[in-house]
Amino acid sequence: MSRIVKISDMESQLMSRINRADLIEIDKVMRYIAIVKQIRKLQTAINKGGVMTTTINGNQEFTKANPAINELNKLTKTLIILENSIKFETFTVPDKTKGNEKGNDGPKVSDLY
């Protein structure tokens, strides 16, 4: 299942996981979101232009890697470094199977009668 995460949802979740009184952490989250937006723009450009580009220079024609891929890699590295520097507070993920005893198991014998 491939689903694109909304930027606003990502920002809300990140903001809920940091100390909002710490302006440096808020700035880090805002930079993180700005980098994610740039990464998505680069991915769109790569999807439109392709991974390989053809350059024509006079009589010469050659194919090379799309320069946006290099920029995408740089931004991804920066994003990972920034993510590691953000001081996240403890975050508990709610258990979705609570109250649902069956979960992913098959039916119980009592369910068949």
PDB file of N, CA and C in Angstrom:
ATOM      1  N   MET A   1       0.842  -1.178   0.000  1.00  0.00           N
ATOM      2  CA  MET A   1       0.000   0.000   0.000  1.00  0.00           C
ATOM      3  C   MET A   1       0.886   1.239   0.000  1.00  0.00           C
ATOM      4  N   SER A   2       0.843   1.987  -1.064  1.00  0.00           N
ATOM      5  CA  SER A   2       1.641   3.189  -1.176  1.00  0.00           C
ATOM      6  C   SER A   2       0.744   4.391  -0.954  1.00  0.00           C
ATOM      7  N   ARG A   3       1.091   5.162   0.049  1.00  0.00           N
ATOM      8  CA  ARG A   3       0.275   6.311   0.393  1.00  0.00           C
ATOM      9  C   ARG A   3       1.191   7.481   0.695  1.00  0.00           C
ATOM     10  N   ILE A   4       0.890   8.625   0.126  1.00  0.00           N
ATOM     11  CA  ILE A   4       1.695   9.815   0.386  1.00  0.00           C
ATOM     12  C   ILE A   4       1.196  10.471   1.660  1.00  0.00           C
ATOM     13  N   VAL A   5       2.130  10.766   2.530  1.00  0.00           N
ATOM     14  CA  VAL A   5       1.803  11.415   3.797  1.00  0.00           C
ATOM     15  C   VAL A   5       1.639  12.905   3.544  1.00  0.00           C
ATOM     16  N   LYS A   6       0.563  13.478   4.046  1.00  0.00           N
ATOM     17  CA  LYS A   6       0.328  14.910   3.903  1.00  0.00           C
ATOM     18  C   LYS A   6       1.361  15.670   4.734  1.00  0.00           C
ATOM     19  N   ILE A   7       1.855  16.746   4.180  1.00  0.00           N
ATOM     20  CA  ILE A   7       2.845  17.576   4.870  1.00  0.00           C
ATOM     21  C   ILE A   7       2.261  18.114   6.177  1.00  0.00           C
ATOM     22  N   SER A   8       1.001  18.538   6.149  1.00  0.00           N
ATOM     23  CA  SER A   8       0.380  19.101   7.355  1.00  0.00           C
ATOM     24  C   SER A   8       0.269  18.050   8.458  1.00  0.00           C
ATOM     25  N   ASP A   9      -0.039  16.791   8.074  1.00  0.00           N
ATOM     26  CA  ASP A   9      -0.107  15.717   9.071  1.00  0.00           C
ATOM     27  C   ASP A   9       1.271  15.422   9.656  1.00  0.00           C
ATOM     28  N   MET A  10       2.289  15.435   8.791  1.00  0.00           N
ATOM     29  CA  MET A  10       3.645  15.188   9.255  1.00  0.00           C
ATOM     30  C   MET A  10       4.091  16.285  10.214  1.00  0.00           C
ATOM     31  N   GLU A  11       3.798  17.523   9.862  1.00  0.00           N
ATOM     32  CA  GLU A  11       4.176  18.639  10.719  1.00  0.00           C
ATOM     33  C   GLU A  11       3.469  18.553  12.065  1.00  0.00           C
ATOM     34  N   SER A  12       2.189  18.220  12.055  1.00  0.00           N
ATOM     35  CA  SER A  12       1.440  18.098  13.311  1.00  0.00           C
ATOM     36  C   SER A  12       2.028  17.012  14.200  1.00  0.00           C
ATOM     37  N   GLN A  13       2.360  15.869  13.599  1.00  0.00           N
ATOM     38  CA  GLN A  13       2.917  14.782  14.393  1.00  0.00           C
ATOM     39  C   GLN A  13       4.289  15.149  14.947  1.00  0.00           C
ATOM     40  N   LEU A  14       5.126  15.759  14.130  1.00  0.00           N
ATOM     41  CA  LEU A  14       6.450  16.157  14.611  1.00  0.00           C
ATOM     42  C   LEU A  14       6.335  17.185  15.735  1.00  0.00           C
ATOM     43  N   MET A  15       5.442  18.154  15.562  1.00  0.00           N
ATOM     44  CA  MET A  15       5.275  19.184  16.592  1.00  0.00           C
ATOM     45  C   MET A  15       4.742  18.597  17.901  1.00  0.00           C
ATOM     46  N   SER A  16       3.931  17.555  17.794  1.00  0.00           N
ATOM     47  CA  SER A  16       3.400  16.944  19.014  1.00  0.00           C
ATOM     48  C   SER A  16       4.456  16.120  19.745  1.00  0.00           C
ATOM     49  N   ARG A  17       5.540  15.798  19.066  1.00  0.00           N
ATOM     50  CA  ARG A  17       6.575  14.954  19.657  1.00  0.00           C
ATOM     51  C   ARG A  17       7.764  15.731  20.204  1.00  0.00           C
ATOM     52  N   ILE A  18       7.715  17.076  20.127  1.00  0.00           N
ATOM     53  CA  ILE A  18       8.824  17.879  20.650  1.00  0.00           C
ATOM     54  C   ILE A  18       8.313  18.793  21.756  1.00  0.00           C
ATOM     55  N   ASN A  19       9.256  19.408  22.466  1.00  0.00           N
ATOM     56  CA  ASN A  19       8.929  20.396  23.475  1.00  0.00           C
ATOM     57  C   ASN A  19       8.656  21.712  22.751  1.00  0.00           C
ATOM     58  N   ARG A  20       7.417  22.157  22.759  1.00  0.00           N
ATOM     59  CA  ARG A  20       7.038  23.360  22.001  1.00  0.00           C
ATOM     60  C   ARG A  20       7.566  24.643  22.629  1.00  0.00           C
ATOM     61  N   ALA A  21       8.102  24.565  23.835  1.00  0.00           N
ATOM     62  CA  ALA A  21       8.699  25.738  24.453  1.00  0.00           C
ATOM     63  C   ALA A  21      10.128  25.956  23.957  1.00  0.00           C
ATOM     64  N   ASP A  22      10.706  24.955  23.324  1.00  0.00           N
ATOM     65  CA  ASP A  22      12.078  25.027  22.821  1.00  0.00           C
ATOM     66  C   ASP A  22      12.056  25.532  21.376  1.00  0.00           C
ATOM     67  N   LEU A  23      12.420  26.792  21.199  1.00  0.00           N
ATOM     68  CA  LEU A  23      12.355  27.419  19.874  1.00  0.00           C
ATOM     69  C   LEU A  23      13.323  26.778  18.881  1.00  0.00           C
ATOM     70  N   ILE A  24      14.435  26.270  19.371  1.00  0.00           N
ATOM     71  CA  ILE A  24      15.399  25.621  18.477  1.00  0.00           C
ATOM     72  C   ILE A  24      14.787  24.353  17.889  1.00  0.00           C
ATOM     73  N   GLU A  25      14.095  23.592  18.702  1.00  0.00           N
ATOM     74  CA  GLU A  25      13.451  22.371  18.209  1.00  0.00           C
ATOM     75  C   GLU A  25      12.335  22.693  17.226  1.00  0.00           C
ATOM     76  N   ILE A  26      11.596  23.756  17.484  1.00  0.00           N
ATOM     77  CA  ILE A  26      10.543  24.180  16.551  1.00  0.00           C
ATOM     78  C   ILE A  26      11.175  24.564  15.215  1.00  0.00           C
ATOM     79  N   ASP A  27      12.298  25.292  15.255  1.00  0.00           N
ATOM     80  CA  ASP A  27      12.998  25.671  14.024  1.00  0.00           C
ATOM     81  C   ASP A  27      13.482  24.439  13.267  1.00  0.00           C
ATOM     82  N   LYS A  28      13.973  23.434  13.989  1.00  0.00           N
ATOM     83  CA  LYS A  28      14.425  22.201  13.342  1.00  0.00           C
ATOM     84  C   LYS A  28      13.264  21.507  12.624  1.00  0.00           C
ATOM     85  N   VAL A  29      12.104  21.475  13.257  1.00  0.00           N
ATOM     86  CA  VAL A  29      10.938  20.846  12.636  1.00  0.00           C
ATOM     87  C   VAL A  29      10.533  21.620  11.385  1.00  0.00           C
ATOM     88  N   MET A  30      10.574  22.941  11.453  1.00  0.00           N
ATOM     89  CA  MET A  30      10.200  23.755  10.296  1.00  0.00           C
ATOM     90  C   MET A  30      11.197  23.547   9.142  1.00  0.00           C
ATOM     91  N   ARG A  31      12.500  23.436   9.466  1.00  0.00           N
ATOM     92  CA  ARG A  31      13.496  23.149   8.427  1.00  0.00           C
ATOM     93  C   ARG A  31      13.279  21.752   7.855  1.00  0.00           C
ATOM     94  N   TYR A  32      12.939  20.817   8.706  1.00  0.00           N
ATOM     95  CA  TYR A  32      12.665  19.444   8.271  1.00  0.00           C
ATOM     96  C   TYR A  32      11.528  19.443   7.245  1.00  0.00           C
ATOM     97  N   ILE A  33      10.458  20.154   7.568  1.00  0.00           N
ATOM     98  CA  ILE A  33       9.304  20.228   6.667  1.00  0.00           C
ATOM     99  C   ILE A  33       9.693  20.903   5.352  1.00  0.00           C
ATOM    100  N   ALA A  34      10.506  21.958   5.415  1.00  0.00           N
ATOM    101  CA  ALA A  34      10.944  22.651   4.196  1.00  0.00           C
ATOM    102  C   ALA A  34      11.769  21.712   3.311  1.00  0.00           C
ATOM    103  N   ILE A  35      12.618  20.894   3.922  1.00  0.00           N
ATOM    104  CA  ILE A  35      13.425  19.946   3.144  1.00  0.00           C
ATOM    105  C   ILE A  35      12.535  18.873   2.527  1.00  0.00           C
ATOM    106  N   VAL A  36      11.540  18.395   3.266  1.00  0.00           N
ATOM    107  CA  VAL A  36      10.617  17.395   2.729  1.00  0.00           C
ATOM    108  C   VAL A  36       9.894  17.957   1.509  1.00  0.00           C
ATOM    109  N   LYS A  37       9.483  19.218   1.568  1.00  0.00           N
ATOM    110  CA  LYS A  37       8.813  19.851   0.423  1.00  0.00           C
ATOM    111  C   LYS A  37       9.742  19.904  -0.787  1.00  0.00           C
ATOM    112  N   GLN A  38      11.011  20.256  -0.564  1.00  0.00           N
ATOM    113  CA  GLN A  38      11.976  20.316  -1.664  1.00  0.00           C
ATOM    114  C   GLN A  38      12.231  18.925  -2.252  1.00  0.00           C
ATOM    115  N   ILE A  39      12.310  17.916  -1.389  1.00  0.00           N
ATOM    116  CA  ILE A  39      12.505  16.545  -1.855  1.00  0.00           C
ATOM    117  C   ILE A  39      11.341  16.115  -2.742  1.00  0.00           C
ATOM    118  N   ARG A  40      10.140  16.452  -2.339  1.00  0.00           N
ATOM    119  CA  ARG A  40       8.969  16.076  -3.145  1.00  0.00           C
ATOM    120  C   ARG A  40       8.966  16.783  -4.491  1.00  0.00           C
ATOM    121  N   LYS A  41       9.406  18.048  -4.530  1.00  0.00           N
ATOM    122  CA  LYS A  41       9.493  18.769  -5.806  1.00  0.00           C
ATOM    123  C   LYS A  41      10.530  18.116  -6.714  1.00  0.00           C
ATOM    124  N   LEU A  42      11.674  17.732  -6.135  1.00  0.00           N
ATOM    125  CA  LEU A  42      12.704  17.062  -6.929  1.00  0.00           C
ATOM    126  C   LEU A  42      12.212  15.716  -7.451  1.00  0.00           C
ATOM    127  N   GLN A  43      11.497  14.979  -6.602  1.00  0.00           N
ATOM    128  CA  GLN A  43      10.961  13.688  -7.042  1.00  0.00           C
ATOM    129  C   GLN A  43       9.981  13.866  -8.196  1.00  0.00           C
ATOM    130  N   THR A  44       9.173  14.899  -8.138  1.00  0.00           N
ATOM    131  CA  THR A  44       8.233  15.194  -9.223  1.00  0.00           C
ATOM    132  C   THR A  44       8.998  15.515 -10.506  1.00  0.00           C
ATOM    133  N   ALA A  45      10.053  16.324 -10.387  1.00  0.00           N
ATOM    134  CA  ALA A  45      10.854  16.685 -11.564  1.00  0.00           C
ATOM    135  C   ALA A  45      11.529  15.452 -12.157  1.00  0.00           C
ATOM    136  N   ILE A  46      12.019  14.567 -11.301  1.00  0.00           N
ATOM    137  CA  ILE A  46      12.660  13.340 -11.787  1.00  0.00           C
ATOM    138  C   ILE A  46      11.628  12.448 -12.466  1.00  0.00           C
ATOM    139  N   ASN A  47      10.449  12.359 -11.889  1.00  0.00           N
ATOM    140  CA  ASN A  47       9.390  11.546 -12.506  1.00  0.00           C
ATOM    141  C   ASN A  47       9.007  12.084 -13.878  1.00  0.00           C
ATOM    142  N   LYS A  48       8.954  13.409 -14.028  1.00  0.00           N
ATOM    143  CA  LYS A  48       8.590  14.019 -15.307  1.00  0.00           C
ATOM    144  C   LYS A  48       9.718  13.899 -16.329  1.00  0.00           C
ATOM    145  N   GLY A  49      10.944  14.205 -15.904  1.00  0.00           N
ATOM    146  CA  GLY A  49      12.066  14.233 -16.831  1.00  0.00           C
ATOM    147  C   GLY A  49      12.744  12.896 -17.031  1.00  0.00           C
ATOM    148  N   GLY A  50      12.510  11.979 -16.113  1.00  0.00           N
ATOM    149  CA  GLY A  50      13.153  10.679 -16.204  1.00  0.00           C
ATOM    150  C   GLY A  50      14.461  10.628 -15.434  1.00  0.00           C
ATOM    151  N   VAL A  51      14.922   9.436 -15.205  1.00  0.00           N
ATOM    152  CA  VAL A  51      16.163   9.235 -14.459  1.00  0.00           C
ATOM    153  C   VAL A  51      17.363   9.620 -15.318  1.00  0.00           C
ATOM    154  N   MET A  52      17.261   9.389 -16.606  1.00  0.00           N
ATOM    155  CA  MET A  52      18.330   9.731 -17.543  1.00  0.00           C
ATOM    156  C   MET A  52      17.867  10.889 -18.422  1.00  0.00           C
ATOM    157  N   THR A  53      18.800  11.799 -18.731  1.00  0.00           N
ATOM    158  CA  THR A  53      18.484  12.914 -19.616  1.00  0.00           C
ATOM    159  C   THR A  53      19.417  12.881 -20.819  1.00  0.00           C
ATOM    160  N   THR A  54      18.924  13.335 -21.948  1.00  0.00           N
ATOM    161  CA  THR A  54      19.724  13.395 -23.165  1.00  0.00           C
ATOM    162  C   THR A  54      20.117  14.843 -23.405  1.00  0.00           C
ATOM    163  N   THR A  55      21.413  15.051 -23.591  1.00  0.00           N
ATOM    164  CA  THR A  55      21.935  16.389 -23.844  1.00  0.00           C
ATOM    165  C   THR A  55      22.438  16.453 -25.277  1.00  0.00           C
ATOM    166  N   ILE A  56      22.047  17.495 -25.979  1.00  0.00           N
ATOM    167  CA  ILE A  56      22.497  17.695 -27.360  1.00  0.00           C
ATOM    168  C   ILE A  56      23.386  18.931 -27.383  1.00  0.00           C
ATOM    169  N   ASN A  57      24.638  18.731 -27.832  1.00  0.00           N
ATOM    170  CA  ASN A  57      25.603  19.816 -27.905  1.00  0.00           C
ATOM    171  C   ASN A  57      26.182  19.826 -29.317  1.00  0.00           C
ATOM    172  N   GLY A  58      25.615  20.646 -30.155  1.00  0.00           N
ATOM    173  CA  GLY A  58      26.058  20.682 -31.549  1.00  0.00           C
ATOM    174  C   GLY A  58      25.743  19.369 -32.233  1.00  0.00           C
ATOM    175  N   ASN A  59      26.784  18.699 -32.711  1.00  0.00           N
ATOM    176  CA  ASN A  59      26.604  17.408 -33.366  1.00  0.00           C
ATOM    177  C   ASN A  59      26.620  16.250 -32.368  1.00  0.00           C
ATOM    178  N   GLN A  60      26.985  16.546 -31.149  1.00  0.00           N
ATOM    179  CA  GLN A  60      27.086  15.492 -30.137  1.00  0.00           C
ATOM    180  C   GLN A  60      25.758  15.314 -29.401  1.00  0.00           C
ATOM    181  N   GLU A  61      25.467  14.091 -29.089  1.00  0.00           N
ATOM    182  CA  GLU A  61      24.274  13.769 -28.291  1.00  0.00           C
ATOM    183  C   GLU A  61      24.687  12.677 -27.308  1.00  0.00           C
ATOM    184  N   PHE A  62      24.458  12.937 -26.038  1.00  0.00           N
ATOM    185  CA  PHE A  62      24.818  11.936 -25.030  1.00  0.00           C
ATOM    186  C   PHE A  62      23.787  11.899 -23.914  1.00  0.00           C
ATOM    187  N   THR A  63      23.722  10.760 -23.272  1.00  0.00           N
ATOM    188  CA  THR A  63      22.775  10.538 -22.183  1.00  0.00           C
ATOM    189  C   THR A  63      23.535  10.514 -20.864  1.00  0.00           C
ATOM    190  N   LYS A  64      22.969  11.170 -19.880  1.00  0.00           N
ATOM    191  CA  LYS A  64      23.591  11.178 -18.552  1.00  0.00           C
ATOM    192  C   LYS A  64      22.495  11.137 -17.497  1.00  0.00           C
ATOM    193  N   ALA A  65      22.915  10.897 -16.268  1.00  0.00           N
ATOM    194  CA  ALA A  65      21.960  10.841 -15.157  1.00  0.00           C
ATOM    195  C   ALA A  65      21.356  12.223 -14.919  1.00  0.00           C
ATOM    196  N   ASN A  66      20.101  12.240 -14.536  1.00  0.00           N
ATOM    197  CA  ASN A  66      19.409  13.487 -14.233  1.00  0.00           C
ATOM    198  C   ASN A  66      20.111  14.161 -13.050  1.00  0.00           C
ATOM    199  N   PRO A  67      20.543  15.431 -13.185  1.00  0.00           N
ATOM    200  CA  PRO A  67      21.231  16.128 -12.100  1.00  0.00           C
ATOM    201  C   PRO A  67      20.371  16.262 -10.830  1.00  0.00           C
ATOM    202  N   ALA A  68      19.069  16.174 -10.980  1.00  0.00           N
ATOM    203  CA  ALA A  68      18.180  16.288  -9.815  1.00  0.00           C
ATOM    204  C   ALA A  68      18.374  15.113  -8.857  1.00  0.00           C
ATOM    205  N   ILE A  69      18.861  13.977  -9.372  1.00  0.00           N
ATOM    206  CA  ILE A  69      19.077  12.818  -8.507  1.00  0.00           C
ATOM    207  C   ILE A  69      20.172  13.111  -7.495  1.00  0.00           C
ATOM    208  N   ASN A  70      21.240  13.781  -7.943  1.00  0.00           N
ATOM    209  CA  ASN A  70      22.322  14.144  -7.033  1.00  0.00           C
ATOM    210  C   ASN A  70      21.819  15.096  -5.952  1.00  0.00           C
ATOM    211  N   GLU A  71      21.011  16.070  -6.351  1.00  0.00           N
ATOM    212  CA  GLU A  71      20.445  17.016  -5.382  1.00  0.00           C
ATOM    213  C   GLU A  71      19.507  16.302  -4.410  1.00  0.00           C
ATOM    214  N   LEU A  72      18.742  15.356  -4.924  1.00  0.00           N
ATOM    215  CA  LEU A  72      17.838  14.575  -4.079  1.00  0.00           C
ATOM    216  C   LEU A  72      18.628  13.810  -3.022  1.00  0.00           C
ATOM    217  N   ASN A  73      19.733  13.206  -3.422  1.00  0.00           N
ATOM    218  CA  ASN A  73      20.572  12.472  -2.474  1.00  0.00           C
ATOM    219  C   ASN A  73      21.156  13.386  -1.399  1.00  0.00           C
ATOM    220  N   LYS A  74      21.584  14.575  -1.792  1.00  0.00           N
ATOM    221  CA  LYS A  74      22.128  15.543  -0.831  1.00  0.00           C
ATOM    222  C   LYS A  74      21.064  15.957   0.184  1.00  0.00           C
ATOM    223  N   LEU A  75      19.872  16.263  -0.320  1.00  0.00           N
ATOM    224  CA  LEU A  75      18.794  16.681   0.581  1.00  0.00           C
ATOM    225  C   LEU A  75      18.370  15.546   1.514  1.00  0.00           C
ATOM    226  N   THR A  76      18.374  14.323   1.011  1.00  0.00           N
ATOM    227  CA  THR A  76      18.000  13.185   1.842  1.00  0.00           C
ATOM    228  C   THR A  76      19.002  12.998   2.978  1.00  0.00           C
ATOM    229  N   LYS A  77      20.283  13.137   2.684  1.00  0.00           N
ATOM    230  CA  LYS A  77      21.306  13.040   3.735  1.00  0.00           C
ATOM    231  C   LYS A  77      21.126  14.140   4.772  1.00  0.00           C
ATOM    232  N   THR A  78      20.859  15.351   4.310  1.00  0.00           N
ATOM    233  CA  THR A  78      20.628  16.473   5.217  1.00  0.00           C
ATOM    234  C   THR A  78      19.405  16.218   6.081  1.00  0.00           C
ATOM    235  N   LEU A  79      18.365  15.668   5.485  1.00  0.00           N
ATOM    236  CA  LEU A  79      17.133  15.377   6.215  1.00  0.00           C
ATOM    237  C   LEU A  79      17.389  14.360   7.334  1.00  0.00           C
ATOM    238  N   ILE A  80      18.159  13.331   7.036  1.00  0.00           N
ATOM    239  CA  ILE A  80      18.460  12.302   8.040  1.00  0.00           C
ATOM    240  C   ILE A  80      19.271  12.888   9.186  1.00  0.00           C
ATOM    241  N   ILE A  81      20.253  13.715   8.870  1.00  0.00           N
ATOM    242  CA  ILE A  81      21.063  14.353   9.917  1.00  0.00           C
ATOM    243  C   ILE A  81      20.193  15.252  10.785  1.00  0.00           C
ATOM    244  N   LEU A  82      19.324  16.024  10.153  1.00  0.00           N
ATOM    245  CA  LEU A  82      18.430  16.915  10.900  1.00  0.00           C
ATOM    246  C   LEU A  82      17.480  16.111  11.775  1.00  0.00           C
ATOM    247  N   GLU A  83      16.934  15.037  11.239  1.00  0.00           N
ATOM    248  CA  GLU A  83      16.015  14.196  12.005  1.00  0.00           C
ATOM    249  C   GLU A  83      16.697  13.632  13.246  1.00  0.00           C
ATOM    250  N   ASN A  84      17.948  13.223  13.109  1.00  0.00           N
ATOM    251  CA  ASN A  84      18.682  12.681  14.249  1.00  0.00           C
ATOM    252  C   ASN A  84      18.996  13.739  15.296  1.00  0.00           C
ATOM    253  N   SER A  85      19.007  15.013  14.903  1.00  0.00           N
ATOM    254  CA  SER A  85      19.320  16.077  15.858  1.00  0.00           C
ATOM    255  C   SER A  85      18.088  16.581  16.616  1.00  0.00           C
ATOM    256  N   ILE A  86      16.896  16.233  16.146  1.00  0.00           N
ATOM    257  CA  ILE A  86      15.669  16.678  16.821  1.00  0.00           C
ATOM    258  C   ILE A  86      15.497  15.861  18.096  1.00  0.00           C
ATOM    259  N   LYS A  87      15.234  16.566  19.192  1.00  0.00           N
ATOM    260  CA  LYS A  87      15.041  15.903  20.493  1.00  0.00           C
ATOM    261  C   LYS A  87      13.569  15.547  20.650  1.00  0.00           C
ATOM    262  N   PHE A  88      13.238  14.319  20.273  1.00  0.00           N
ATOM    263  CA  PHE A  88      11.855  13.866  20.394  1.00  0.00           C
ATOM    264  C   PHE A  88      11.572  13.429  21.825  1.00  0.00           C
ATOM    265  N   GLU A  89      10.384  13.770  22.298  1.00  0.00           N
ATOM    266  CA  GLU A  89       9.948  13.291  23.597  1.00  0.00           C
ATOM    267  C   GLU A  89       9.381  11.889  23.414  1.00  0.00           C
ATOM    268  N   THR A  90       9.184  11.183  24.528  1.00  0.00           N
ATOM    269  CA  THR A  90       8.644   9.835  24.411  1.00  0.00           C
ATOM    270  C   THR A  90       7.276   9.895  23.760  1.00  0.00           C
ATOM    271  N   PHE A  91       7.052   8.949  22.918  1.00  0.00           N
ATOM    272  CA  PHE A  91       5.829   8.924  22.118  1.00  0.00           C
ATOM    273  C   PHE A  91       5.303   7.504  22.142  1.00  0.00           C
ATOM    274  N   THR A  92       4.064   7.350  22.558  1.00  0.00           N
ATOM    275  CA  THR A  92       3.464   6.017  22.580  1.00  0.00           C
ATOM    276  C   THR A  92       2.460   5.907  21.450  1.00  0.00           C
ATOM    277  N   VAL A  93       2.560   4.826  20.734  1.00  0.00           N
ATOM    278  CA  VAL A  93       1.643   4.569  19.633  1.00  0.00           C
ATOM    279  C   VAL A  93       0.443   3.819  20.184  1.00  0.00           C
ATOM    280  N   PRO A  94      -0.770   4.280  19.928  1.00  0.00           N
ATOM    281  CA  PRO A  94      -1.945   3.581  20.446  1.00  0.00           C
ATOM    282  C   PRO A  94      -2.065   2.188  19.822  1.00  0.00           C
ATOM    283  N   ASP A  95      -2.488   1.240  20.656  1.00  0.00           N
ATOM    284  CA  ASP A  95      -2.650  -0.138  20.192  1.00  0.00           C
ATOM    285  C   ASP A  95      -3.994  -0.255  19.493  1.00  0.00           C
ATOM    286  N   LYS A  96      -3.962  -0.486  18.184  1.00  0.00           N
ATOM    287  CA  LYS A  96      -5.191  -0.540  17.391  1.00  0.00           C
ATOM    288  C   LYS A  96      -5.958  -1.834  17.605  1.00  0.00           C
ATOM    289  N   THR A  97      -5.297  -2.873  18.095  1.00  0.00           N
ATOM    290  CA  THR A  97      -5.987  -4.147  18.274  1.00  0.00           C
ATOM    291  C   THR A  97      -6.675  -4.241  19.633  1.00  0.00           C
ATOM    292  N   LYS A  98      -6.499  -3.249  20.483  1.00  0.00           N
ATOM    293  CA  LYS A  98      -7.147  -3.266  21.792  1.00  0.00           C
ATOM    294  C   LYS A  98      -8.657  -3.254  21.614  1.00  0.00           C
ATOM    295  N   GLY A  99      -9.321  -4.146  22.281  1.00  0.00           N
ATOM    296  CA  GLY A  99     -10.768  -4.238  22.171  1.00  0.00           C
ATOM    297  C   GLY A  99     -11.197  -5.119  21.017  1.00  0.00           C
ATOM    298  N   ASN A 100     -10.268  -5.498  20.198  1.00  0.00           N
ATOM    299  CA  ASN A 100     -10.559  -6.388  19.084  1.00  0.00           C
ATOM    300  C   ASN A 100      -9.784  -7.670  19.331  1.00  0.00           C
ATOM    301  N   GLU A 101     -10.429  -8.620  19.971  1.00  0.00           N
ATOM    302  CA  GLU A 101      -9.742  -9.823  20.414  1.00  0.00           C
ATOM    303  C   GLU A 101      -9.309 -10.701  19.256  1.00  0.00           C
ATOM    304  N   LYS A 102      -9.993 -10.636  18.135  1.00  0.00           N
ATOM    305  CA  LYS A 102      -9.675 -11.503  17.016  1.00  0.00           C
ATOM    306  C   LYS A 102      -8.355 -11.121  16.362  1.00  0.00           C
ATOM    307  N   GLY A 103      -8.101  -9.822  16.185  1.00  0.00           N
ATOM    308  CA  GLY A 103      -6.891  -9.396  15.503  1.00  0.00           C
ATOM    309  C   GLY A 103      -6.845  -9.958  14.094  1.00  0.00           C
ATOM    310  N   ASN A 104      -5.727 -10.557  13.731  1.00  0.00           N
ATOM    311  CA  ASN A 104      -5.568 -11.132  12.399  1.00  0.00           C
ATOM    312  C   ASN A 104      -5.712 -12.644  12.422  1.00  0.00           C
ATOM    313  N   ASP A 105      -6.083 -13.193  13.551  1.00  0.00           N
ATOM    314  CA  ASP A 105      -6.234 -14.640  13.653  1.00  0.00           C
ATOM    315  C   ASP A 105      -7.507 -15.086  12.947  1.00  0.00           C
ATOM    316  N   GLY A 106      -7.564 -16.350  12.679  1.00  0.00           N
ATOM    317  CA  GLY A 106      -8.758 -16.914  12.058  1.00  0.00           C
ATOM    318  C   GLY A 106      -9.898 -16.981  13.062  1.00  0.00           C
ATOM    319  N   PRO A 107     -11.045 -17.439  12.628  1.00  0.00           N
ATOM    320  CA  PRO A 107     -12.195 -17.508  13.525  1.00  0.00           C
ATOM    321  C   PRO A 107     -11.973 -18.561  14.624  1.00  0.00           C
ATOM    322  N   LYS A 108     -12.541 -18.279  15.798  1.00  0.00           N
ATOM    323  CA  LYS A 108     -12.488 -19.237  16.889  1.00  0.00           C
ATOM    324  C   LYS A 108     -13.629 -20.229  16.690  1.00  0.00           C
ATOM    325  N   VAL A 109     -13.529 -21.346  17.357  1.00  0.00           N
ATOM    326  CA  VAL A 109     -14.543 -22.388  17.228  1.00  0.00           C
ATOM    327  C   VAL A 109     -15.915 -21.827  17.623  1.00  0.00           C
ATOM    328  N   SER A 110     -15.949 -21.013  18.661  1.00  0.00           N
ATOM    329  CA  SER A 110     -17.233 -20.448  19.117  1.00  0.00           C
ATOM    330  C   SER A 110     -17.846 -19.521  18.071  1.00  0.00           C
ATOM    331  N   ASP A 111     -17.016 -18.931  17.179  1.00  0.00           N
ATOM    332  CA  ASP A 111     -17.519 -18.059  16.137  1.00  0.00           C
ATOM    333  C   ASP A 111     -18.227 -18.824  15.018  1.00  0.00           C
ATOM    334  N   LEU A 112     -17.944 -20.129  14.901  1.00  0.00           N
ATOM    335  CA  LEU A 112     -18.485 -20.911  13.811  1.00  0.00           C
ATOM    336  C   LEU A 112     -19.885 -21.430  14.095  1.00  0.00           C
ATOM    337  N   TYR A 113     -20.334 -21.365  15.325  1.00  0.00           N
ATOM    338  CA  TYR A 113     -21.661 -21.921  15.682  1.00  0.00           C
ATOM    339  C   TYR A 113     -22.625 -20.838  16.054  1.00  0.00           C
TER     340      TYR A 113
END
